[in-house]
Protein backbone atom coordinates (compact mmCIF):
# COMPACT_ATOMS: atom_id res chain seq x y z
CA UNK A 1 -1.26 36.81 137.61
CA UNK A 2 -4.43 35.60 135.88
CA UNK A 3 -3.79 33.47 132.76
CA UNK A 4 -6.44 35.34 130.85
CA UNK A 5 -4.57 38.53 131.04
CA UNK A 6 -1.26 36.79 129.82
CA UNK A 7 -3.29 35.36 126.95
CA UNK A 8 -4.79 38.87 126.06
CA UNK A 9 -1.20 40.26 126.21
CA UNK A 10 0.21 37.77 123.98
CA UNK A 11 -2.66 37.89 121.49
CA UNK A 12 -2.47 41.83 121.53
CA UNK A 13 1.39 41.67 120.82
CA UNK A 14 0.81 39.36 117.93
CA UNK A 15 -1.80 41.49 116.61
CA UNK A 16 0.27 44.50 116.62
CA UNK A 17 2.74 42.76 114.62
CA UNK A 18 0.17 41.92 112.10
CA UNK A 19 -0.97 45.64 112.13
CA UNK A 20 2.74 46.63 111.30
CA UNK A 21 3.05 44.15 108.56
CA UNK A 22 -0.51 45.06 107.17
CA UNK A 23 0.55 48.67 106.90
CA UNK A 24 3.88 47.66 105.01
CA UNK A 25 1.83 45.36 102.92
CA UNK A 26 -0.55 48.10 101.91
CA UNK A 27 2.47 50.40 100.99
CA UNK A 28 4.43 47.94 99.18
CA UNK A 29 1.37 46.81 96.92
CA UNK A 30 0.45 50.38 96.58
CA UNK A 31 -3.27 49.50 98.02
CA UNK A 32 -3.57 52.70 100.05
CA UNK A 33 -6.43 53.91 97.54
CA UNK A 34 -7.86 50.47 97.39
CA UNK A 35 -11.06 51.83 99.10
CA UNK A 36 -10.96 55.22 97.28
CA UNK A 37 -11.21 58.45 99.17
CA UNK A 38 -13.81 56.74 101.56
CA UNK A 39 -13.25 55.98 105.35
CA UNK A 40 -14.07 53.94 107.27
CA UNK A 41 -16.25 52.45 104.49
CA UNK A 42 -14.81 51.25 101.21
CA UNK A 43 -15.86 53.37 98.21
CA UNK A 44 -18.89 54.73 100.32
CA UNK A 45 -20.17 51.19 100.81
CA UNK A 46 -20.17 48.61 103.64
CA UNK A 47 -19.86 45.86 101.18
CA UNK A 48 -18.38 47.03 98.01
CA UNK A 49 -19.75 46.12 94.40
CA UNK A 50 -16.49 45.92 92.79
CA UNK A 51 -13.64 43.76 94.41
CA UNK A 52 -10.20 44.14 93.63
CA UNK A 53 -7.02 42.87 95.20
CA UNK A 54 -6.14 46.30 96.38
CA UNK A 55 -9.53 46.72 98.02
CA UNK A 56 -9.01 43.45 99.73
CA UNK A 57 -5.76 44.44 101.11
CA UNK A 58 -6.69 47.88 102.33
CA UNK A 59 -9.88 46.72 103.85
CA UNK A 60 -8.35 43.73 105.60
CA UNK A 61 -5.72 46.05 107.07
CA UNK A 62 -8.56 48.48 108.38
CA UNK A 63 -10.53 45.55 109.91
CA UNK A 64 -7.38 44.17 111.55
CA UNK A 65 -6.36 47.42 112.84
CA UNK A 66 -9.53 48.13 114.40
CA UNK A 67 -9.87 44.70 116.00
CA UNK A 68 -6.45 45.21 117.49
CA UNK A 69 -7.17 48.69 118.66
CA UNK A 70 -9.96 47.22 120.77
CA UNK A 71 -7.51 44.53 122.03
CA UNK A 72 -5.13 47.30 123.02
CA UNK A 73 -7.67 49.35 124.80
CA UNK A 74 -8.77 46.20 126.67
CA UNK A 75 -5.16 45.46 127.58
CA UNK A 76 -4.38 48.98 128.55
CA UNK A 77 -7.44 49.23 130.94
CA UNK A 78 -6.85 45.66 132.43
CA UNK A 79 -3.16 46.29 133.22
CA UNK A 80 -3.83 49.68 134.56
CA UNK A 81 -6.23 48.18 137.10
CA UNK A 82 -4.23 44.91 137.73
CA UNK A 83 -0.51 46.03 137.84
CA UNK A 84 -0.96 49.64 137.86
CA UNK A 85 1.38 49.71 141.03
CA UNK A 86 4.45 48.89 138.69
CA UNK A 87 5.99 52.24 137.80
CA UNK A 88 5.95 51.79 134.18
CA UNK A 89 2.35 50.30 133.40
CA UNK A 90 0.33 53.41 133.47
CA UNK A 91 2.64 55.19 131.06
CA UNK A 92 2.85 52.28 128.61
CA UNK A 93 -0.99 51.78 128.85
CA UNK A 94 -1.62 55.13 127.75
CA UNK A 95 1.04 55.30 125.12
CA UNK A 96 0.21 51.87 123.37
CA UNK A 97 -3.36 53.12 122.79
CA UNK A 98 -2.59 56.75 122.10
CA UNK A 99 -0.03 56.08 119.36
CA UNK A 100 -2.32 53.34 117.85
CA UNK A 101 -5.32 55.86 117.68
CA UNK A 102 -2.86 58.48 116.21
CA UNK A 103 -1.63 56.30 113.43
CA UNK A 104 -5.15 55.34 112.66
CA UNK A 105 -6.02 59.12 112.25
CA UNK A 106 -3.16 59.56 110.17
CA UNK A 107 -4.18 56.80 107.85
CA UNK A 108 -7.66 58.02 107.71
CA UNK A 109 -6.36 61.60 106.83
CA UNK A 110 -4.16 60.32 104.24
CA UNK A 111 -7.12 58.47 102.54
CA UNK A 112 -9.49 61.37 102.88
CA UNK A 113 -7.35 64.30 102.03
CA UNK A 114 -3.89 63.06 101.19
CA UNK A 115 -0.73 63.57 102.88
CA UNK A 116 2.88 64.32 101.72
CA UNK A 117 5.31 61.34 101.60
CA UNK A 118 7.37 62.65 104.46
CA UNK A 119 4.29 62.61 106.70
CA UNK A 120 3.02 59.15 105.54
CA UNK A 121 6.49 57.88 106.43
CA UNK A 122 5.72 58.59 110.04
CA UNK A 123 2.66 56.20 109.97
CA UNK A 124 4.85 52.97 110.33
CA UNK A 125 7.07 54.63 112.94
CA UNK A 126 4.02 55.67 115.12
CA UNK A 127 2.84 52.09 114.86
CA UNK A 128 6.08 50.83 115.91
CA UNK A 129 6.10 52.85 119.19
CA UNK A 130 2.56 51.25 119.77
CA UNK A 131 4.08 47.81 119.36
CA UNK A 132 6.76 48.40 121.50
CA UNK A 133 4.50 49.80 124.26
CA UNK A 134 2.21 46.72 124.04
CA UNK A 135 5.24 44.37 123.98
CA UNK A 136 6.70 46.17 127.21
CA UNK A 137 3.38 45.71 128.89
CA UNK A 138 3.25 42.01 128.04
CA UNK A 139 6.82 41.62 129.47
CA UNK A 140 5.56 43.47 132.79
CA UNK A 141 2.74 41.02 133.08
CA UNK A 142 5.14 37.95 132.95
CA UNK A 143 7.63 39.63 135.11
CA UNK A 144 5.18 39.43 137.92
CA UNK A 145 5.63 35.68 138.03
CA UNK A 146 9.18 35.52 136.55
CA UNK A 147 11.40 38.42 136.99
CA UNK A 148 14.03 37.84 134.09
CA UNK A 149 16.61 39.19 136.67
CA UNK A 150 15.31 42.60 135.79
CA UNK A 151 15.38 44.05 139.33
CA UNK A 152 19.05 42.89 139.79
CA UNK A 153 20.65 44.39 136.77
CA UNK A 154 23.61 46.80 136.90
CA UNK A 155 24.29 48.64 133.69
CA UNK A 156 27.13 51.22 133.62
CA UNK A 157 26.89 54.52 132.23
CA UNK A 158 28.54 53.68 128.98
CA UNK A 159 26.01 50.93 128.22
CA UNK A 160 23.29 53.08 129.30
CA UNK A 161 24.34 55.82 126.80
CA UNK A 162 24.81 53.36 123.91
CA UNK A 163 21.33 51.96 124.69
CA UNK A 164 19.48 55.33 124.69
CA UNK A 165 21.49 56.57 121.62
CA UNK A 166 21.07 53.38 119.46
CA UNK A 167 17.43 53.26 120.25
CA UNK A 168 16.79 56.93 119.01
CA UNK A 169 18.93 56.31 116.01
CA UNK A 170 17.04 52.94 115.22
CA UNK A 171 13.76 54.97 114.90
CA UNK A 172 15.67 57.35 112.40
CA UNK A 173 16.60 54.32 110.37
CA UNK A 174 12.97 53.01 110.45
CA UNK A 175 11.82 56.50 109.19
CA UNK A 176 14.22 56.56 106.40
CA UNK A 177 13.02 53.14 105.35
CA UNK A 178 9.51 54.10 105.27
CA UNK A 179 10.56 57.25 103.32
CA UNK A 180 12.00 55.02 100.77
CA UNK A 181 8.82 53.16 100.13
CA UNK A 182 6.67 56.35 100.16
CA UNK A 183 8.77 58.27 97.53
CA UNK A 184 9.06 55.01 95.43
CA UNK A 185 12.72 54.87 95.88
CA UNK A 186 13.17 51.22 96.39
CA UNK A 187 14.58 50.21 92.98
CA UNK A 188 16.17 53.56 92.16
CA UNK A 189 19.36 51.96 92.80
CA UNK A 190 19.26 48.51 91.25
CA UNK A 191 22.59 47.18 92.53
CA UNK A 192 23.98 46.82 96.10
CA UNK A 193 25.76 48.04 98.28
CA UNK A 194 26.46 50.83 95.80
CA UNK A 195 23.75 52.38 93.67
CA UNK A 196 25.62 51.32 90.69
CA UNK A 197 28.40 48.65 90.93
CA UNK A 198 31.91 49.90 90.56
CA UNK A 199 30.77 53.61 90.91
CA UNK A 200 31.51 55.66 93.99
CA UNK A 201 29.61 58.86 92.34
CA UNK A 202 27.44 60.73 94.70
CA UNK A 203 23.74 60.27 94.18
CA UNK A 204 22.38 62.46 91.41
CA UNK A 205 18.67 63.05 92.43
CA UNK A 206 16.29 63.20 95.58
CA UNK A 207 15.34 59.50 95.22
CA UNK A 208 18.78 58.24 95.01
CA UNK A 209 19.75 60.34 98.00
CA UNK A 210 16.84 58.79 99.99
CA UNK A 211 17.74 55.22 99.04
CA UNK A 212 21.60 55.52 99.62
CA UNK A 213 20.89 57.56 102.88
CA UNK A 214 18.87 54.67 104.17
CA UNK A 215 21.58 52.31 103.21
CA UNK A 216 24.24 54.22 104.98
CA UNK A 217 22.14 54.53 107.95
CA UNK A 218 21.53 50.73 108.07
CA UNK A 219 25.08 50.16 107.67
CA UNK A 220 25.80 52.42 110.76
CA UNK A 221 23.39 50.67 112.98
CA UNK A 222 24.78 47.25 111.94
CA UNK A 223 28.34 48.21 112.96
CA UNK A 224 27.15 50.03 116.10
CA UNK A 225 24.95 47.11 117.39
CA UNK A 226 27.75 44.80 116.52
CA UNK A 227 30.22 46.89 118.77
CA UNK A 228 27.58 47.05 121.59
CA UNK A 229 27.22 43.24 121.37
CA UNK A 230 31.02 42.81 121.83
CA UNK A 231 30.95 45.07 124.83
CA UNK A 232 28.07 43.01 126.25
CA UNK A 233 29.80 39.68 125.65
CA UNK A 234 32.97 41.04 127.32
CA UNK A 235 31.35 42.62 130.45
CA UNK A 236 27.77 41.25 131.03
CA UNK A 237 28.25 37.49 130.93
CA UNK A 238 26.66 37.16 134.19
CA UNK A 239 23.68 39.30 133.49
CA UNK A 240 21.96 37.09 131.17
CA UNK A 241 19.27 39.59 130.07
CA UNK A 242 21.99 42.04 128.78
CA UNK A 243 24.18 39.44 127.42
CA UNK A 244 21.59 37.34 125.30
CA UNK A 245 19.66 40.42 124.51
CA UNK A 246 22.41 42.08 122.56
CA UNK A 247 23.25 38.79 120.78
CA UNK A 248 19.60 38.60 119.72
CA UNK A 249 19.76 42.23 118.76
CA UNK A 250 22.84 41.60 116.37
CA UNK A 251 21.09 38.52 114.87
CA UNK A 252 18.01 40.68 114.20
CA UNK A 253 19.84 43.53 112.78
CA UNK A 254 22.08 41.08 110.55
CA UNK A 255 18.73 39.66 109.29
CA UNK A 256 17.32 43.15 108.67
CA UNK A 257 20.36 44.17 106.64
CA UNK A 258 20.52 40.97 104.63
CA UNK A 259 16.71 41.30 103.86
CA UNK A 260 17.34 44.78 102.76
CA UNK A 261 19.92 43.81 100.27
CA UNK A 262 17.78 40.94 99.04
CA UNK A 263 14.80 43.33 98.61
CA UNK A 264 16.85 45.21 95.90
CA UNK A 265 18.56 42.06 94.43
CA UNK A 266 15.17 40.32 93.99
CA UNK A 267 13.44 43.44 92.64
CA UNK A 268 11.13 43.90 95.61
CA UNK A 269 10.00 40.27 96.49
CA UNK A 270 6.99 40.72 98.63
CA UNK A 271 7.63 38.11 101.16
CA UNK A 272 11.33 39.40 101.75
CA UNK A 273 10.13 42.91 101.88
CA UNK A 274 7.68 41.98 104.69
CA UNK A 275 10.37 40.13 106.54
CA UNK A 276 12.44 43.31 106.15
CA UNK A 277 9.71 45.16 108.14
CA UNK A 278 9.32 42.18 110.60
CA UNK A 279 13.13 42.07 111.53
CA UNK A 280 13.27 45.87 112.30
CA UNK A 281 9.95 45.75 114.29
CA UNK A 282 11.37 43.05 116.59
CA UNK A 283 14.73 44.75 116.97
CA UNK A 284 12.98 47.99 117.89
CA UNK A 285 11.08 45.88 120.61
CA UNK A 286 14.16 44.46 121.87
CA UNK A 287 16.03 47.85 122.17
CA UNK A 288 12.82 49.43 123.96
CA UNK A 289 12.97 46.81 126.67
CA UNK A 290 16.56 47.79 126.98
CA UNK A 291 15.35 51.31 127.62
CA UNK A 292 13.07 50.12 130.32
CA UNK A 293 15.96 48.08 131.96
CA UNK A 294 18.11 51.25 131.86
CA UNK A 295 15.63 53.48 133.81
CA UNK A 296 15.58 50.65 136.46
CA UNK A 297 19.26 50.60 136.77
CA UNK A 298 19.53 54.47 137.34
CA UNK A 299 20.30 54.00 141.06
CA UNK A 300 23.29 51.82 139.95
CA UNK A 301 24.38 54.24 137.19
CA UNK A 302 27.50 55.33 139.14
CA UNK A 303 28.82 51.70 139.32
CA UNK A 304 31.99 51.45 137.31
CA UNK A 305 33.15 48.87 134.88
CA UNK A 306 35.64 47.80 137.21
CA UNK A 307 32.90 47.04 139.89
CA UNK A 308 30.84 45.06 137.28
CA UNK A 309 34.08 43.05 136.60
CA UNK A 310 34.67 42.50 140.33
CA UNK A 311 31.04 41.22 140.63
CA UNK A 312 31.80 38.65 137.81
CA UNK A 313 34.88 37.67 139.35
CA UNK A 314 33.06 37.09 142.88
CA UNK A 315 30.60 34.76 140.91
CA UNK A 316 33.51 32.97 139.50
CA UNK A 317 35.04 32.50 142.80
CA UNK A 318 31.81 31.21 144.32
CA UNK A 319 31.44 28.77 141.46
CA UNK A 320 35.12 27.48 141.87
CA UNK A 321 34.37 26.95 145.77
CA UNK A 322 31.15 24.89 145.04
CA UNK A 323 33.05 22.71 142.59
CA UNK A 324 35.88 21.95 144.92
């Protein structure tokens, strides 16, 4: 595989992370109207006369998004032509550019005509899908030289169902978090984990429902991923991609939950808030890779847990024999 393609893939993946964090920065600093109702120009000018911090943040996000959009387009075309024979390549190439274009159009529409908070909350989620598609393309490019044992994985039906369900659920958690920001409910509950310490009363208004709903959803995904990680440690010790992948996922979800709590306790510290968005982006990327691996393991989906354990026992026997 050409080294230049690998460099482009890595650069584009990092660029997509910057787009995600830039979008979160725009929302958290309320810079969405930094350029007024003008798009793609700023206040109708190529070089604005009056420079404000909100304008700099919004304009920088537009410039980075546009540049990364060109990188995504180049990566999509190049991978289509170079590794298009790999089953997932063409779909991911189309998905990565289409979703990035879609989120750009939603952002432009929000500037020109305004959008409801519930529509704007989709903006981050659509960018997240584009990031995941670019990340998977990058992994496919590197798989050509190093397989990560991806073609030898055996994932039982129980684990496949968990992977699919928790990935879909994680997207709902992302949406609920974006909704918290867009309806300005980040500090409506100033304590953690309850809205008001020592009070188990139900939320009294829409903003509290959004905030506490997101906390509850985050708590569920933390417990769920913890449970799946235990399954992976017990049953997939000899399939390192699954074993370490879930350990990394649990670390990421732990960091994400911790950052979420600190966002409240530090009263919206900007760096912690951006870390919160970073951790969930990385987690969704890992879960998306699990989805790809699951589609490859369909031919082995009838394999039972006992067979997987039998495979592990065989490996142990072989190692013992070599030791002796």
